């Protein structure tokens, strides 16, 4: 699989595909902000609910990773997956990522 890297703009209030079909990913927020990250099966589409840290653990809106600026998110998966990002707040968020 080819290396995928570059910048991605995640619009406010929506899940944005930040890496498709990856086994390994490194995401960085170069500026202030918080990004919720969720991985899904390849080709299954974006999650259909917004992230909610206050939801019940049995609710699908509760299942995500949280990353903040200057604290990179890195993950390795046993199967290729699609990774989505959702900015916290009312503004778009620019991220930098690498994946393979």
C-alpha atoms as a PDB file:
ATOM      1  CA  UNK A   1       0.000   0.000   0.000  1.00  0.00           C
ATOM      2  CA  UNK A   2       1.372   3.440  -0.896  1.00  0.00           C
ATOM      3  CA  UNK A   3       2.217   5.976   1.774  1.00  0.00           C
ATOM      4  CA  UNK A   4      -0.469   8.610   2.181  1.00  0.00           C
ATOM      5  CA  UNK A   5       0.539  11.910   3.709  1.00  0.00           C
ATOM      6  CA  UNK A   6      -0.315  15.568   3.699  1.00  0.00           C
ATOM      7  CA  UNK A   7      -2.727  18.058   5.180  1.00  0.00           C
ATOM      8  CA  UNK A   8      -6.474  17.530   5.500  1.00  0.00           C
ATOM      9  CA  UNK A   9      -9.071  20.174   6.328  1.00  0.00           C
ATOM     10  CA  UNK A  10     -11.811  18.778   8.572  1.00  0.00           C
ATOM     11  CA  UNK A  11     -14.930  20.982   8.303  1.00  0.00           C
ATOM     12  CA  UNK A  12     -16.827  21.747  11.506  1.00  0.00           C
ATOM     13  CA  UNK A  13     -19.690  19.502  12.627  1.00  0.00           C
ATOM     14  CA  UNK A  14     -18.994  16.549  10.350  1.00  0.00           C
ATOM     15  CA  UNK A  15     -16.878  13.428  10.117  1.00  0.00           C
ATOM     16  CA  UNK A  16     -14.172  13.751   7.441  1.00  0.00           C
ATOM     17  CA  UNK A  17     -12.181  10.866   5.978  1.00  0.00           C
ATOM     18  CA  UNK A  18      -8.575  11.595   6.929  1.00  0.00           C
ATOM     19  CA  UNK A  19      -7.058   8.293   5.791  1.00  0.00           C
ATOM     20  CA  UNK A  20      -8.577   5.499   3.734  1.00  0.00           C
ATOM     21  CA  UNK A  21      -7.446   1.872   3.816  1.00  0.00           C
ATOM     22  CA  UNK A  22      -4.566   2.353   6.248  1.00  0.00           C
ATOM     23  CA  UNK A  23      -2.763  -0.038   8.589  1.00  0.00           C
ATOM     24  CA  UNK A  24      -0.692   2.626  10.320  1.00  0.00           C
ATOM     25  CA  UNK A  25      -1.452   6.284  10.907  1.00  0.00           C
ATOM     26  CA  UNK A  26       0.157   9.301  12.526  1.00  0.00           C
ATOM     27  CA  UNK A  27      -1.974  12.449  12.959  1.00  0.00           C
ATOM     28  CA  UNK A  28      -0.765  15.827  14.195  1.00  0.00           C
ATOM     29  CA  UNK A  29      -2.632  19.052  14.995  1.00  0.00           C
ATOM     30  CA  UNK A  30      -0.157  21.867  14.322  1.00  0.00           C
ATOM     31  CA  UNK A  31      -2.331  24.488  16.046  1.00  0.00           C
ATOM     32  CA  UNK A  32      -4.782  24.723  18.919  1.00  0.00           C
ATOM     33  CA  UNK A  33      -7.793  22.455  18.783  1.00  0.00           C
ATOM     34  CA  UNK A  34      -9.298  19.088  19.586  1.00  0.00           C
ATOM     35  CA  UNK A  35     -10.073  16.350  17.080  1.00  0.00           C
ATOM     36  CA  UNK A  36     -12.181  13.258  17.692  1.00  0.00           C
ATOM     37  CA  UNK A  37     -10.930  10.229  15.745  1.00  0.00           C
ATOM     38  CA  UNK A  38     -12.825   7.098  14.831  1.00  0.00           C
ATOM     39  CA  UNK A  39     -11.813   4.125  12.716  1.00  0.00           C
ATOM     40  CA  UNK A  40     -14.298   2.096  10.709  1.00  0.00           C
ATOM     41  CA  UNK A  41     -14.240  -0.848   8.341  1.00  0.00           C
ATOM     42  CA  UNK A  42     -12.902   0.042   4.881  1.00  0.00           C
ATOM     43  CA  UNK A  43     -15.691   1.343   2.654  1.00  0.00           C
ATOM     44  CA  UNK A  44     -18.372   1.441   5.355  1.00  0.00           C
ATOM     45  CA  UNK A  45     -18.733   5.229   5.186  1.00  0.00           C
ATOM     46  CA  UNK A  46     -18.587   7.963   7.775  1.00  0.00           C
ATOM     47  CA  UNK A  47     -20.004   7.421  11.262  1.00  0.00           C
ATOM     48  CA  UNK A  48     -23.621   8.589  11.414  1.00  0.00           C
ATOM     49  CA  UNK A  49     -23.532  10.198  14.878  1.00  0.00           C
ATOM     50  CA  UNK A  50     -21.520  13.101  16.273  1.00  0.00           C
ATOM     51  CA  UNK A  51     -19.058  12.262  19.058  1.00  0.00           C
ATOM     52  CA  UNK A  52     -20.439  12.744  22.562  1.00  0.00           C
ATOM     53  CA  UNK A  53     -18.071  12.367  25.543  1.00  0.00           C
ATOM     54  CA  UNK A  54     -21.068  12.405  27.904  1.00  0.00           C
ATOM     55  CA  UNK A  55     -22.957   9.586  26.186  1.00  0.00           C
ATOM     56  CA  UNK A  56     -23.463   6.148  27.678  1.00  0.00           C
ATOM     57  CA  UNK A  57     -20.717   3.619  26.919  1.00  0.00           C
ATOM     58  CA  UNK A  58     -23.324   1.555  25.056  1.00  0.00           C
ATOM     59  CA  UNK A  59     -24.083   4.474  22.688  1.00  0.00           C
ATOM     60  CA  UNK A  60     -22.184   4.584  19.371  1.00  0.00           C
ATOM     61  CA  UNK A  61     -21.535   8.322  19.835  1.00  0.00           C
ATOM     62  CA  UNK A  62     -19.283   7.468  22.813  1.00  0.00           C
ATOM     63  CA  UNK A  63     -16.709   5.428  20.860  1.00  0.00           C
ATOM     64  CA  UNK A  64     -13.872   7.600  19.551  1.00  0.00           C
ATOM     65  CA  UNK A  65     -10.326   8.713  20.410  1.00  0.00           C
ATOM     66  CA  UNK A  66      -9.595  12.301  21.430  1.00  0.00           C
ATOM     67  CA  UNK A  67      -6.470  14.155  20.377  1.00  0.00           C
ATOM     68  CA  UNK A  68      -5.316  17.680  21.118  1.00  0.00           C
ATOM     69  CA  UNK A  69      -2.694  19.982  19.622  1.00  0.00           C
ATOM     70  CA  UNK A  70       0.952  19.037  20.113  1.00  0.00           C
ATOM     71  CA  UNK A  71      -0.003  15.503  21.220  1.00  0.00           C
ATOM     72  CA  UNK A  72       0.149  13.364  18.051  1.00  0.00           C
ATOM     73  CA  UNK A  73      -2.123  10.359  17.596  1.00  0.00           C
ATOM     74  CA  UNK A  74      -0.450   7.206  16.273  1.00  0.00           C
ATOM     75  CA  UNK A  75      -2.051   3.815  15.740  1.00  0.00           C
ATOM     76  CA  UNK A  76      -1.365   0.489  14.047  1.00  0.00           C
ATOM     77  CA  UNK A  77      -4.182  -1.833  13.035  1.00  0.00           C
ATOM     78  CA  UNK A  78      -4.204  -5.548  12.174  1.00  0.00           C
ATOM     79  CA  UNK A  79      -6.588  -4.920   9.268  1.00  0.00           C
ATOM     80  CA  UNK A  80      -6.769  -1.953   6.924  1.00  0.00           C
ATOM     81  CA  UNK A  81      -9.401   0.579   7.987  1.00  0.00           C
ATOM     82  CA  UNK A  82     -10.739   4.039   7.190  1.00  0.00           C
ATOM     83  CA  UNK A  83     -10.022   6.759   9.747  1.00  0.00           C
ATOM     84  CA  UNK A  84     -12.312   9.769  10.235  1.00  0.00           C
ATOM     85  CA  UNK A  85     -11.832  13.031  12.119  1.00  0.00           C
ATOM     86  CA  UNK A  86     -14.430  15.354  13.693  1.00  0.00           C
ATOM     87  CA  UNK A  87     -13.332  18.763  15.042  1.00  0.00           C
ATOM     88  CA  UNK A  88     -14.638  19.940  18.384  1.00  0.00           C
ATOM     89  CA  UNK A  89     -16.424  23.295  18.221  1.00  0.00           C
ATOM     90  CA  UNK A  90     -17.700  25.485  15.406  1.00  0.00           C
ATOM     91  CA  UNK A  91     -14.539  25.831  13.304  1.00  0.00           C
ATOM     92  CA  UNK A  92     -12.812  23.703  10.703  1.00  0.00           C
ATOM     93  CA  UNK A  93      -9.524  22.140  11.766  1.00  0.00           C
ATOM     94  CA  UNK A  94      -6.415  21.532   9.660  1.00  0.00           C
ATOM     95  CA  UNK A  95      -4.541  18.351  10.458  1.00  0.00           C
ATOM     96  CA  UNK A  96      -1.344  16.789   9.165  1.00  0.00           C
ATOM     97  CA  UNK A  97      -1.212  13.037   8.708  1.00  0.00           C
ATOM     98  CA  UNK A  98       0.877  10.155   7.439  1.00  0.00           C
ATOM     99  CA  UNK A  99      -0.396   6.662   6.833  1.00  0.00           C
ATOM    100  CA  UNK A 100       0.404   3.447   5.012  1.00  0.00           C
END
